[in-house]
Amino acid sequence: MPQGQGLLQKAAELQERGWEVVRRLGLLERWSRVGRPVLVGSLRFGLMGHPNLDLEIYTETPQVADGFAVVSELAQVPGVVQVQYFNALDTADQGLYWRVDYQDERGDIWDIDNWLVAHDHPNAGLADGLATALEAKLSDEQRLAVLTIKNASDRANKARGVDIYKAVMTGGVTTPEEFERWRLANPPAEIELWQP
């Protein structure tokens, strides 16, 4: 099987498994009791390189107790092996963050990023807009370039997905080596506002 076909197949498999994790943990149902949950990561547009899920949950005013009520339920689901919390309300992120690590039946760890933010957050809808635009605008060649770069990324020090998408779509980057050169010439912003 050609490498490109293998990467596309791996991404499709991860996407299918990702939706199963969402269902198994009841992520959307649980978080909907607190606010409006939105899946914003690569699960949405089928470009998963690693087992990772990203959610933003919009609420009137983010409350620590509300988030912990949901996360305490998640922590009791078989396979959830770790939970981390960070209060970022007084930072540029302006939200409450929980990372939930879930080990699936294959032994893979899914890191699930959950951001609880206010409806009027300065960047509300930004990640959702990016996901929607990527779903509509990525060409097959660009999808393969993104997956090639993600596949070569060191998981411990991986590049942000948005930086890879931007490099591919605006810089014509197609290889991991080109991406590293592009990233040196275009240092990432703390919060990336780019939209395709």
N, C-alpha and C. Protein backbone atom coordinates (compact mmCIF):
# COMPACT_ATOMS: atom_id res chain seq x y z
N MET A 1 0.84 -1.18 0.00
CA MET A 1 0.00 0.00 0.00
C MET A 1 0.89 1.25 0.00
N PRO A 2 0.65 2.19 -0.90
CA PRO A 2 1.44 3.43 -0.92
C PRO A 2 1.31 4.17 0.41
N GLN A 3 2.40 4.88 0.81
CA GLN A 3 2.41 5.55 2.11
C GLN A 3 1.23 6.51 2.25
N GLY A 4 0.94 7.28 1.21
CA GLY A 4 -0.16 8.23 1.28
C GLY A 4 -1.48 7.55 1.57
N GLN A 5 -1.72 6.43 0.91
CA GLN A 5 -2.96 5.68 1.14
C GLN A 5 -3.01 5.17 2.57
N GLY A 6 -1.86 4.74 3.09
CA GLY A 6 -1.79 4.26 4.46
C GLY A 6 -2.11 5.34 5.47
N LEU A 7 -1.61 6.56 5.22
CA LEU A 7 -1.90 7.67 6.13
C LEU A 7 -3.37 8.04 6.11
N LEU A 8 -3.97 8.05 4.92
CA LEU A 8 -5.40 8.35 4.81
C LEU A 8 -6.23 7.28 5.51
N GLN A 9 -5.82 6.03 5.37
CA GLN A 9 -6.54 4.94 6.02
C GLN A 9 -6.41 5.04 7.54
N LYS A 10 -5.21 5.35 8.03
CA LYS A 10 -4.98 5.51 9.47
C LYS A 10 -5.85 6.64 10.01
N ALA A 11 -5.90 7.77 9.30
CA ALA A 11 -6.71 8.91 9.74
C ALA A 11 -8.19 8.55 9.79
N ALA A 12 -8.66 7.82 8.78
CA ALA A 12 -10.06 7.42 8.76
C ALA A 12 -10.37 6.47 9.91
N GLU A 13 -9.44 5.57 10.20
CA GLU A 13 -9.62 4.64 11.31
C GLU A 13 -9.64 5.39 12.65
N LEU A 14 -8.71 6.34 12.82
CA LEU A 14 -8.68 7.13 14.05
C LEU A 14 -9.96 7.95 14.21
N GLN A 15 -10.46 8.47 13.10
CA GLN A 15 -11.69 9.25 13.16
C GLN A 15 -12.85 8.37 13.63
N GLU A 16 -12.95 7.18 13.07
CA GLU A 16 -14.02 6.26 13.47
C GLU A 16 -13.89 5.90 14.95
N ARG A 17 -12.66 5.61 15.39
CA ARG A 17 -12.43 5.27 16.79
C ARG A 17 -12.70 6.48 17.69
N GLY A 18 -12.35 7.67 17.21
CA GLY A 18 -12.60 8.89 17.98
C GLY A 18 -14.06 9.11 18.25
N TRP A 19 -14.90 8.92 17.23
CA TRP A 19 -16.34 9.07 17.43
C TRP A 19 -16.85 8.03 18.44
N GLU A 20 -16.26 6.84 18.42
CA GLU A 20 -16.65 5.81 19.39
C GLU A 20 -16.27 6.25 20.81
N VAL A 21 -15.11 6.89 20.98
CA VAL A 21 -14.72 7.39 22.30
C VAL A 21 -15.70 8.47 22.76
N VAL A 22 -16.08 9.36 21.85
CA VAL A 22 -17.06 10.41 22.18
C VAL A 22 -18.35 9.76 22.69
N ARG A 23 -18.82 8.73 21.99
CA ARG A 23 -20.05 8.04 22.38
C ARG A 23 -19.87 7.30 23.72
N ARG A 24 -18.76 6.56 23.82
CA ARG A 24 -18.54 5.72 24.99
C ARG A 24 -18.46 6.57 26.27
N LEU A 25 -17.83 7.72 26.20
CA LEU A 25 -17.70 8.59 27.37
C LEU A 25 -18.91 9.51 27.55
N GLY A 26 -19.78 9.57 26.55
CA GLY A 26 -20.94 10.45 26.63
C GLY A 26 -20.53 11.91 26.74
N LEU A 27 -19.45 12.27 26.02
CA LEU A 27 -18.89 13.62 26.17
C LEU A 27 -19.89 14.72 25.86
N LEU A 28 -20.58 14.60 24.74
CA LEU A 28 -21.50 15.67 24.35
C LEU A 28 -22.70 15.74 25.29
N GLU A 29 -23.20 14.60 25.69
CA GLU A 29 -24.35 14.59 26.60
C GLU A 29 -23.96 15.15 27.97
N ARG A 30 -22.83 14.70 28.50
CA ARG A 30 -22.41 15.16 29.83
C ARG A 30 -22.15 16.67 29.84
N TRP A 31 -21.37 17.14 28.85
CA TRP A 31 -21.04 18.57 28.84
C TRP A 31 -22.24 19.45 28.50
N SER A 32 -23.25 18.90 27.83
CA SER A 32 -24.41 19.72 27.48
C SER A 32 -25.23 20.12 28.71
N ARG A 33 -24.99 19.47 29.84
CA ARG A 33 -25.65 19.89 31.08
C ARG A 33 -25.03 21.18 31.63
N VAL A 34 -23.83 21.50 31.16
CA VAL A 34 -23.10 22.69 31.64
C VAL A 34 -23.20 23.83 30.63
N GLY A 35 -23.20 23.47 29.35
CA GLY A 35 -23.20 24.49 28.31
C GLY A 35 -23.39 23.85 26.94
N ARG A 36 -22.89 24.52 25.92
CA ARG A 36 -23.02 24.00 24.55
C ARG A 36 -21.68 23.44 24.11
N PRO A 37 -21.54 22.08 24.07
CA PRO A 37 -20.27 21.48 23.68
C PRO A 37 -20.10 21.46 22.15
N VAL A 38 -18.90 21.76 21.70
CA VAL A 38 -18.59 21.76 20.27
C VAL A 38 -17.28 21.01 20.07
N LEU A 39 -17.31 19.97 19.24
CA LEU A 39 -16.07 19.29 18.86
C LEU A 39 -15.36 20.16 17.84
N VAL A 40 -14.10 20.51 18.11
CA VAL A 40 -13.42 21.48 17.27
C VAL A 40 -12.13 20.97 16.63
N GLY A 41 -11.65 19.83 16.99
CA GLY A 41 -10.36 19.35 16.50
C GLY A 41 -10.46 18.57 15.21
N SER A 42 -9.38 17.85 14.93
CA SER A 42 -9.25 17.14 13.65
C SER A 42 -10.22 15.99 13.50
N LEU A 43 -10.88 15.58 14.58
CA LEU A 43 -11.95 14.58 14.46
C LEU A 43 -13.00 15.07 13.47
N ARG A 44 -13.27 16.37 13.49
CA ARG A 44 -14.31 16.94 12.64
C ARG A 44 -14.03 16.79 11.15
N PHE A 45 -12.75 16.92 10.76
CA PHE A 45 -12.46 16.93 9.32
C PHE A 45 -11.55 15.79 8.89
N GLY A 46 -11.42 14.78 9.73
CA GLY A 46 -10.78 13.53 9.33
C GLY A 46 -9.29 13.59 9.12
N LEU A 47 -8.58 14.42 9.89
CA LEU A 47 -7.12 14.51 9.73
C LEU A 47 -6.41 14.20 11.04
N MET A 48 -6.85 13.16 11.71
CA MET A 48 -6.23 12.79 12.98
C MET A 48 -4.92 12.08 12.73
N GLY A 49 -3.88 12.57 13.42
CA GLY A 49 -2.58 11.91 13.36
C GLY A 49 -2.32 11.11 14.62
N HIS A 50 -2.96 11.51 15.71
CA HIS A 50 -2.80 10.88 17.01
C HIS A 50 -4.17 10.80 17.68
N PRO A 51 -4.34 9.92 18.66
CA PRO A 51 -5.62 9.81 19.36
C PRO A 51 -5.83 11.01 20.30
N ASN A 52 -6.43 12.05 19.78
CA ASN A 52 -6.67 13.28 20.53
C ASN A 52 -8.02 13.85 20.15
N LEU A 53 -8.77 14.33 21.14
CA LEU A 53 -10.06 14.97 20.91
C LEU A 53 -10.03 16.35 21.54
N ASP A 54 -10.69 17.30 20.89
CA ASP A 54 -10.74 18.68 21.38
C ASP A 54 -12.18 19.15 21.45
N LEU A 55 -12.57 19.63 22.63
CA LEU A 55 -13.92 20.18 22.82
C LEU A 55 -13.83 21.58 23.41
N GLU A 56 -14.75 22.41 22.97
CA GLU A 56 -15.00 23.68 23.63
C GLU A 56 -16.43 23.63 24.12
N ILE A 57 -16.62 24.06 25.36
CA ILE A 57 -17.96 24.06 25.95
C ILE A 57 -18.27 25.52 26.31
N TYR A 58 -19.32 26.06 25.68
CA TYR A 58 -19.69 27.46 25.88
C TYR A 58 -20.79 27.55 26.92
N THR A 59 -20.56 28.44 27.88
CA THR A 59 -21.51 28.64 28.97
C THR A 59 -21.58 30.12 29.30
N GLU A 60 -22.56 30.50 30.09
CA GLU A 60 -22.71 31.91 30.46
C GLU A 60 -21.47 32.40 31.23
N THR A 61 -21.17 31.71 32.32
CA THR A 61 -19.99 32.03 33.14
C THR A 61 -19.33 30.71 33.53
N PRO A 62 -18.09 30.47 33.10
CA PRO A 62 -17.42 29.20 33.45
C PRO A 62 -17.27 29.06 34.97
N GLN A 63 -17.72 27.93 35.48
CA GLN A 63 -17.65 27.66 36.91
C GLN A 63 -16.84 26.39 37.14
N VAL A 64 -15.87 26.48 38.05
CA VAL A 64 -15.03 25.33 38.37
C VAL A 64 -15.88 24.14 38.80
N ALA A 65 -16.85 24.37 39.67
CA ALA A 65 -17.68 23.28 40.19
C ALA A 65 -18.46 22.58 39.08
N ASP A 66 -18.94 23.35 38.11
CA ASP A 66 -19.69 22.74 36.99
C ASP A 66 -18.80 21.79 36.20
N GLY A 67 -17.59 22.24 35.90
CA GLY A 67 -16.66 21.40 35.14
C GLY A 67 -16.26 20.16 35.91
N PHE A 68 -15.99 20.32 37.21
CA PHE A 68 -15.61 19.16 38.00
C PHE A 68 -16.77 18.18 38.17
N ALA A 69 -18.00 18.65 38.15
CA ALA A 69 -19.14 17.74 38.22
C ALA A 69 -19.13 16.80 37.02
N VAL A 70 -18.86 17.34 35.84
CA VAL A 70 -18.78 16.51 34.63
C VAL A 70 -17.56 15.61 34.68
N VAL A 71 -16.42 16.19 35.02
CA VAL A 71 -15.17 15.43 34.99
C VAL A 71 -15.17 14.34 36.05
N SER A 72 -15.83 14.57 37.18
CA SER A 72 -15.89 13.50 38.19
C SER A 72 -16.67 12.30 37.67
N GLU A 73 -17.68 12.55 36.84
CA GLU A 73 -18.40 11.44 36.20
C GLU A 73 -17.50 10.74 35.20
N LEU A 74 -16.79 11.53 34.40
CA LEU A 74 -15.90 10.93 33.40
C LEU A 74 -14.82 10.08 34.06
N ALA A 75 -14.32 10.53 35.21
CA ALA A 75 -13.25 9.81 35.90
C ALA A 75 -13.68 8.42 36.34
N GLN A 76 -14.98 8.20 36.44
CA GLN A 76 -15.49 6.90 36.88
C GLN A 76 -15.74 5.93 35.72
N VAL A 77 -15.61 6.42 34.48
CA VAL A 77 -15.82 5.57 33.32
C VAL A 77 -14.63 4.62 33.18
N PRO A 78 -14.87 3.32 33.04
CA PRO A 78 -13.75 2.40 32.85
C PRO A 78 -12.88 2.83 31.67
N GLY A 79 -11.58 2.85 31.91
CA GLY A 79 -10.63 3.26 30.88
C GLY A 79 -10.08 4.67 31.11
N VAL A 80 -10.78 5.50 31.88
CA VAL A 80 -10.24 6.83 32.18
C VAL A 80 -9.14 6.64 33.22
N VAL A 81 -7.92 7.03 32.86
CA VAL A 81 -6.76 6.76 33.70
C VAL A 81 -6.16 8.00 34.36
N GLN A 82 -6.54 9.18 33.86
CA GLN A 82 -5.95 10.40 34.43
C GLN A 82 -6.80 11.61 34.07
N VAL A 83 -6.82 12.58 34.99
CA VAL A 83 -7.49 13.85 34.75
C VAL A 83 -6.56 14.96 35.22
N GLN A 84 -6.43 16.01 34.42
CA GLN A 84 -5.65 17.19 34.82
C GLN A 84 -6.53 18.42 34.69
N TYR A 85 -6.27 19.41 35.54
CA TYR A 85 -7.08 20.63 35.57
C TYR A 85 -6.17 21.85 35.56
N PHE A 86 -6.62 22.89 34.87
CA PHE A 86 -5.89 24.16 34.88
C PHE A 86 -6.89 25.30 34.80
N ASN A 87 -6.78 26.23 35.74
CA ASN A 87 -7.62 27.42 35.73
C ASN A 87 -6.89 28.49 34.94
N ALA A 88 -7.37 28.78 33.75
CA ALA A 88 -6.74 29.75 32.86
C ALA A 88 -7.62 30.97 32.66
N LEU A 89 -8.51 31.22 33.60
CA LEU A 89 -9.42 32.36 33.45
C LEU A 89 -8.67 33.69 33.39
N ASP A 90 -7.54 33.79 34.09
CA ASP A 90 -6.78 35.04 34.12
C ASP A 90 -5.63 35.07 33.12
N THR A 91 -5.69 34.20 32.11
CA THR A 91 -4.68 34.16 31.06
C THR A 91 -5.33 34.53 29.73
N ALA A 92 -4.53 34.53 28.67
CA ALA A 92 -5.07 34.82 27.34
C ALA A 92 -6.14 33.80 26.93
N ASP A 93 -6.08 32.57 27.47
CA ASP A 93 -7.06 31.54 27.12
C ASP A 93 -8.44 31.80 27.72
N GLN A 94 -8.48 32.48 28.86
CA GLN A 94 -9.74 32.88 29.52
C GLN A 94 -10.74 31.73 29.65
N GLY A 95 -10.28 30.62 30.18
CA GLY A 95 -11.19 29.49 30.35
C GLY A 95 -10.71 28.53 31.41
N LEU A 96 -11.48 27.49 31.60
CA LEU A 96 -11.14 26.41 32.51
C LEU A 96 -10.86 25.17 31.66
N TYR A 97 -9.77 24.48 31.98
CA TYR A 97 -9.31 23.38 31.14
C TYR A 97 -9.22 22.10 31.94
N TRP A 98 -9.74 21.03 31.35
CA TRP A 98 -9.55 19.69 31.89
C TRP A 98 -9.04 18.80 30.77
N ARG A 99 -7.99 18.06 31.06
CA ARG A 99 -7.53 17.03 30.13
C ARG A 99 -7.92 15.69 30.76
N VAL A 100 -8.58 14.89 29.97
CA VAL A 100 -9.00 13.56 30.40
C VAL A 100 -8.27 12.55 29.52
N ASP A 101 -7.53 11.64 30.15
CA ASP A 101 -6.84 10.59 29.41
C ASP A 101 -7.64 9.30 29.52
N TYR A 102 -7.97 8.76 28.36
CA TYR A 102 -8.80 7.56 28.28
C TYR A 102 -8.05 6.48 27.51
N GLN A 103 -7.94 5.29 28.12
CA GLN A 103 -7.28 4.17 27.45
C GLN A 103 -8.34 3.28 26.83
N ASP A 104 -8.27 3.15 25.49
CA ASP A 104 -9.28 2.34 24.81
C ASP A 104 -8.92 0.86 24.87
N GLU A 105 -9.78 0.04 24.25
CA GLU A 105 -9.61 -1.42 24.33
C GLU A 105 -8.34 -1.90 23.63
N ARG A 106 -7.76 -1.07 22.76
CA ARG A 106 -6.50 -1.44 22.11
C ARG A 106 -5.29 -1.04 22.93
N GLY A 107 -5.53 -0.32 24.02
CA GLY A 107 -4.42 0.14 24.87
C GLY A 107 -3.92 1.53 24.52
N ASP A 108 -4.53 2.18 23.51
CA ASP A 108 -4.11 3.53 23.13
C ASP A 108 -4.71 4.55 24.10
N ILE A 109 -3.91 5.56 24.45
CA ILE A 109 -4.38 6.63 25.31
C ILE A 109 -4.88 7.78 24.45
N TRP A 110 -6.12 8.17 24.67
CA TRP A 110 -6.73 9.33 24.01
C TRP A 110 -6.65 10.50 24.97
N ASP A 111 -5.96 11.57 24.56
CA ASP A 111 -5.98 12.76 25.39
C ASP A 111 -7.11 13.65 24.88
N ILE A 112 -7.99 13.99 25.80
CA ILE A 112 -9.21 14.71 25.48
C ILE A 112 -9.14 16.08 26.14
N ASP A 113 -9.01 17.12 25.33
CA ASP A 113 -8.90 18.49 25.82
C ASP A 113 -10.29 19.11 25.90
N ASN A 114 -10.67 19.56 27.09
CA ASN A 114 -11.99 20.14 27.34
C ASN A 114 -11.81 21.56 27.85
N TRP A 115 -12.26 22.54 27.08
CA TRP A 115 -12.17 23.94 27.47
C TRP A 115 -13.56 24.48 27.76
N LEU A 116 -13.78 24.93 28.99
CA LEU A 116 -15.04 25.55 29.39
C LEU A 116 -14.83 27.07 29.33
N VAL A 117 -15.54 27.72 28.42
CA VAL A 117 -15.35 29.16 28.19
C VAL A 117 -16.70 29.87 28.11
N ALA A 118 -16.66 31.18 28.28
CA ALA A 118 -17.88 31.99 28.23
C ALA A 118 -18.34 32.17 26.79
N HIS A 119 -19.66 32.32 26.63
CA HIS A 119 -20.23 32.59 25.30
C HIS A 119 -19.60 33.82 24.67
N ASP A 120 -19.25 34.81 25.51
CA ASP A 120 -18.69 36.05 24.97
C ASP A 120 -17.16 36.07 25.01
N HIS A 121 -16.54 34.91 25.05
CA HIS A 121 -15.07 34.81 24.99
C HIS A 121 -14.59 35.53 23.73
N PRO A 122 -13.47 36.28 23.81
CA PRO A 122 -12.99 37.03 22.64
C PRO A 122 -12.80 36.17 21.39
N ASN A 123 -12.48 34.88 21.57
CA ASN A 123 -12.26 34.00 20.42
C ASN A 123 -13.35 32.94 20.30
N ALA A 124 -14.51 33.23 20.83
CA ALA A 124 -15.62 32.28 20.75
C ALA A 124 -15.91 31.94 19.29
N GLY A 125 -16.00 30.65 19.02
CA GLY A 125 -16.33 30.20 17.67
C GLY A 125 -15.16 30.13 16.72
N LEU A 126 -13.97 30.58 17.13
CA LEU A 126 -12.81 30.59 16.24
C LEU A 126 -12.43 29.17 15.80
N ALA A 127 -12.30 28.26 16.78
CA ALA A 127 -11.91 26.88 16.44
C ALA A 127 -13.01 26.18 15.65
N ASP A 128 -14.26 26.46 15.98
CA ASP A 128 -15.38 25.87 15.23
C ASP A 128 -15.36 26.38 13.79
N GLY A 129 -15.11 27.67 13.62
CA GLY A 129 -15.02 28.25 12.27
C GLY A 129 -13.87 27.66 11.48
N LEU A 130 -12.74 27.44 12.15
CA LEU A 130 -11.60 26.82 11.48
C LEU A 130 -11.95 25.42 11.01
N ALA A 131 -12.58 24.64 11.89
CA ALA A 131 -12.96 23.27 11.53
C ALA A 131 -13.93 23.26 10.35
N THR A 132 -14.90 24.15 10.37
CA THR A 132 -15.88 24.22 9.29
C THR A 132 -15.19 24.59 7.97
N ALA A 133 -14.28 25.57 8.01
CA ALA A 133 -13.57 25.99 6.80
C ALA A 133 -12.67 24.88 6.27
N LEU A 134 -11.99 24.18 7.18
CA LEU A 134 -11.11 23.09 6.73
C LEU A 134 -11.92 21.96 6.10
N GLU A 135 -13.07 21.65 6.68
CA GLU A 135 -13.94 20.62 6.10
C GLU A 135 -14.26 20.96 4.65
N ALA A 136 -14.49 22.24 4.37
CA ALA A 136 -14.93 22.67 3.05
C ALA A 136 -13.79 22.93 2.06
N LYS A 137 -12.63 23.36 2.55
CA LYS A 137 -11.61 23.89 1.64
C LYS A 137 -10.38 23.03 1.41
N LEU A 138 -10.10 22.08 2.27
CA LEU A 138 -8.89 21.27 2.09
C LEU A 138 -9.00 20.39 0.85
N SER A 139 -8.00 20.47 0.00
CA SER A 139 -7.95 19.58 -1.17
C SER A 139 -7.38 18.23 -0.74
N ASP A 140 -7.51 17.22 -1.59
CA ASP A 140 -6.96 15.90 -1.29
C ASP A 140 -5.45 15.97 -1.11
N GLU A 141 -4.77 16.77 -1.94
CA GLU A 141 -3.32 16.91 -1.84
C GLU A 141 -2.93 17.57 -0.52
N GLN A 142 -3.71 18.58 -0.11
CA GLN A 142 -3.43 19.25 1.15
C GLN A 142 -3.68 18.32 2.34
N ARG A 143 -4.71 17.50 2.25
CA ARG A 143 -4.99 16.54 3.32
C ARG A 143 -3.81 15.59 3.50
N LEU A 144 -3.29 15.11 2.39
CA LEU A 144 -2.16 14.19 2.46
C LEU A 144 -0.92 14.88 3.02
N ALA A 145 -0.68 16.14 2.65
CA ALA A 145 0.46 16.89 3.18
C ALA A 145 0.32 17.06 4.70
N VAL A 146 -0.88 17.42 5.15
CA VAL A 146 -1.12 17.59 6.59
C VAL A 146 -0.83 16.28 7.32
N LEU A 147 -1.36 15.18 6.82
CA LEU A 147 -1.16 13.89 7.47
C LEU A 147 0.31 13.46 7.46
N THR A 148 1.01 13.76 6.38
CA THR A 148 2.45 13.43 6.30
C THR A 148 3.21 14.18 7.38
N ILE A 149 2.91 15.46 7.55
CA ILE A 149 3.60 16.28 8.56
C ILE A 149 3.22 15.82 9.96
N LYS A 150 1.94 15.58 10.18
CA LYS A 150 1.50 15.10 11.50
C LYS A 150 2.14 13.76 11.83
N ASN A 151 2.23 12.87 10.87
CA ASN A 151 2.79 11.55 11.08
C ASN A 151 4.26 11.62 11.49
N ALA A 152 4.97 12.63 10.99
CA ALA A 152 6.39 12.78 11.31
C ALA A 152 6.62 13.54 12.61
N SER A 153 5.55 14.13 13.15
CA SER A 153 5.66 14.96 14.36
C SER A 153 5.90 14.09 15.58
N ASP A 154 6.82 14.53 16.43
CA ASP A 154 7.10 13.87 17.69
C ASP A 154 5.94 14.19 18.64
N ARG A 155 5.28 13.16 19.13
CA ARG A 155 4.08 13.39 19.96
C ARG A 155 4.39 14.22 21.20
N ALA A 156 5.59 14.06 21.76
CA ALA A 156 5.93 14.81 22.97
C ALA A 156 6.14 16.29 22.68
N ASN A 157 6.51 16.61 21.46
CA ASN A 157 6.79 18.01 21.11
C ASN A 157 6.11 18.34 19.79
N LYS A 158 4.88 17.89 19.63
CA LYS A 158 4.22 18.03 18.34
C LYS A 158 3.80 19.47 18.07
N ALA A 159 3.74 19.78 16.80
CA ALA A 159 3.28 21.10 16.37
C ALA A 159 1.77 21.17 16.53
N ARG A 160 1.27 22.37 16.73
CA ARG A 160 -0.17 22.55 16.78
C ARG A 160 -0.75 22.30 15.39
N GLY A 161 -1.92 21.68 15.38
CA GLY A 161 -2.58 21.40 14.11
C GLY A 161 -2.79 22.65 13.28
N VAL A 162 -3.23 23.74 13.93
CA VAL A 162 -3.53 24.97 13.18
C VAL A 162 -2.29 25.49 12.46
N ASP A 163 -1.10 25.31 13.05
CA ASP A 163 0.13 25.76 12.39
C ASP A 163 0.42 24.91 11.15
N ILE A 164 0.14 23.62 11.25
CA ILE A 164 0.34 22.75 10.10
C ILE A 164 -0.65 23.11 8.98
N TYR A 165 -1.91 23.31 9.34
CA TYR A 165 -2.92 23.66 8.33
C TYR A 165 -2.56 24.97 7.64
N LYS A 166 -2.13 25.94 8.42
CA LYS A 166 -1.76 27.25 7.87
C LYS A 166 -0.57 27.12 6.93
N ALA A 167 0.44 26.36 7.34
CA ALA A 167 1.64 26.18 6.51
C ALA A 167 1.29 25.53 5.18
N VAL A 168 0.44 24.51 5.24
CA VAL A 168 0.06 23.78 4.02
C VAL A 168 -0.79 24.66 3.11
N MET A 169 -1.76 25.36 3.70
CA MET A 169 -2.72 26.10 2.88
C MET A 169 -2.22 27.46 2.42
N THR A 170 -1.36 28.10 3.21
CA THR A 170 -0.87 29.42 2.79
C THR A 170 0.56 29.38 2.28
N GLY A 171 1.33 28.41 2.75
CA GLY A 171 2.74 28.35 2.38
C GLY A 171 3.07 27.28 1.37
N GLY A 172 2.08 26.48 0.98
CA GLY A 172 2.33 25.41 0.02
C GLY A 172 3.24 24.32 0.54
N VAL A 173 3.36 24.20 1.85
CA VAL A 173 4.24 23.22 2.48
C VAL A 173 3.68 21.82 2.26
N THR A 174 4.56 20.87 1.92
CA THR A 174 4.09 19.50 1.67
C THR A 174 4.87 18.42 2.43
N THR A 175 6.02 18.78 3.02
CA THR A 175 6.84 17.77 3.71
C THR A 175 7.18 18.25 5.12
N PRO A 176 7.56 17.31 6.00
CA PRO A 176 7.97 17.70 7.35
C PRO A 176 9.16 18.67 7.34
N GLU A 177 10.11 18.46 6.43
CA GLU A 177 11.28 19.34 6.37
C GLU A 177 10.87 20.76 5.97
N GLU A 178 9.99 20.88 4.99
CA GLU A 178 9.49 22.19 4.58
C GLU A 178 8.73 22.85 5.73
N PHE A 179 7.98 22.04 6.47
CA PHE A 179 7.22 22.59 7.59
C PHE A 179 8.15 23.17 8.65
N GLU A 180 9.23 22.46 8.98
CA GLU A 180 10.15 22.97 9.99
C GLU A 180 10.77 24.29 9.54
N ARG A 181 11.13 24.39 8.27
CA ARG A 181 11.68 25.66 7.75
C ARG A 181 10.61 26.76 7.81
N TRP A 182 9.38 26.42 7.44
CA TRP A 182 8.29 27.39 7.46
C TRP A 182 8.03 27.86 8.90
N ARG A 183 8.06 26.92 9.84
CA ARG A 183 7.78 27.26 11.23
C ARG A 183 8.86 28.18 11.80
N LEU A 184 10.10 27.97 11.43
CA LEU A 184 11.18 28.87 11.87
C LEU A 184 10.99 30.28 11.33
N ALA A 185 10.53 30.37 10.10
CA ALA A 185 10.32 31.68 9.47
C ALA A 185 9.01 32.33 9.90
N ASN A 186 8.09 31.54 10.45
CA ASN A 186 6.77 32.03 10.85
C ASN A 186 6.44 31.54 12.26
N PRO A 187 7.08 32.13 13.27
CA PRO A 187 6.82 31.66 14.64
C PRO A 187 5.33 31.74 14.97
N PRO A 188 4.80 30.71 15.62
CA PRO A 188 3.36 30.69 15.89
C PRO A 188 2.94 31.74 16.90
N ALA A 189 1.77 32.30 16.67
CA ALA A 189 1.17 33.22 17.63
C ALA A 189 0.66 32.43 18.82
N GLU A 190 0.58 33.07 19.98
CA GLU A 190 0.07 32.38 21.17
C GLU A 190 -1.34 31.86 20.92
N ILE A 191 -2.18 32.71 20.35
CA ILE A 191 -3.51 32.29 19.93
C ILE A 191 -3.62 32.61 18.44
N GLU A 192 -3.74 31.58 17.62
CA GLU A 192 -3.75 31.74 16.16
C GLU A 192 -5.15 32.13 15.70
N LEU A 193 -5.23 33.27 15.04
CA LEU A 193 -6.51 33.79 14.55
C LEU A 193 -6.73 33.49 13.08
N TRP A 194 -5.77 32.87 12.42
CA TRP A 194 -5.87 32.59 10.99
C TRP A 194 -7.07 31.70 10.66
N GLN A 195 -7.70 32.03 9.55
CA GLN A 195 -8.80 31.21 9.00
C GLN A 195 -8.53 31.01 7.52
N PRO A 196 -8.74 29.81 6.98
CA PRO A 196 -8.51 29.60 5.55
C PRO A 196 -9.60 30.29 4.70
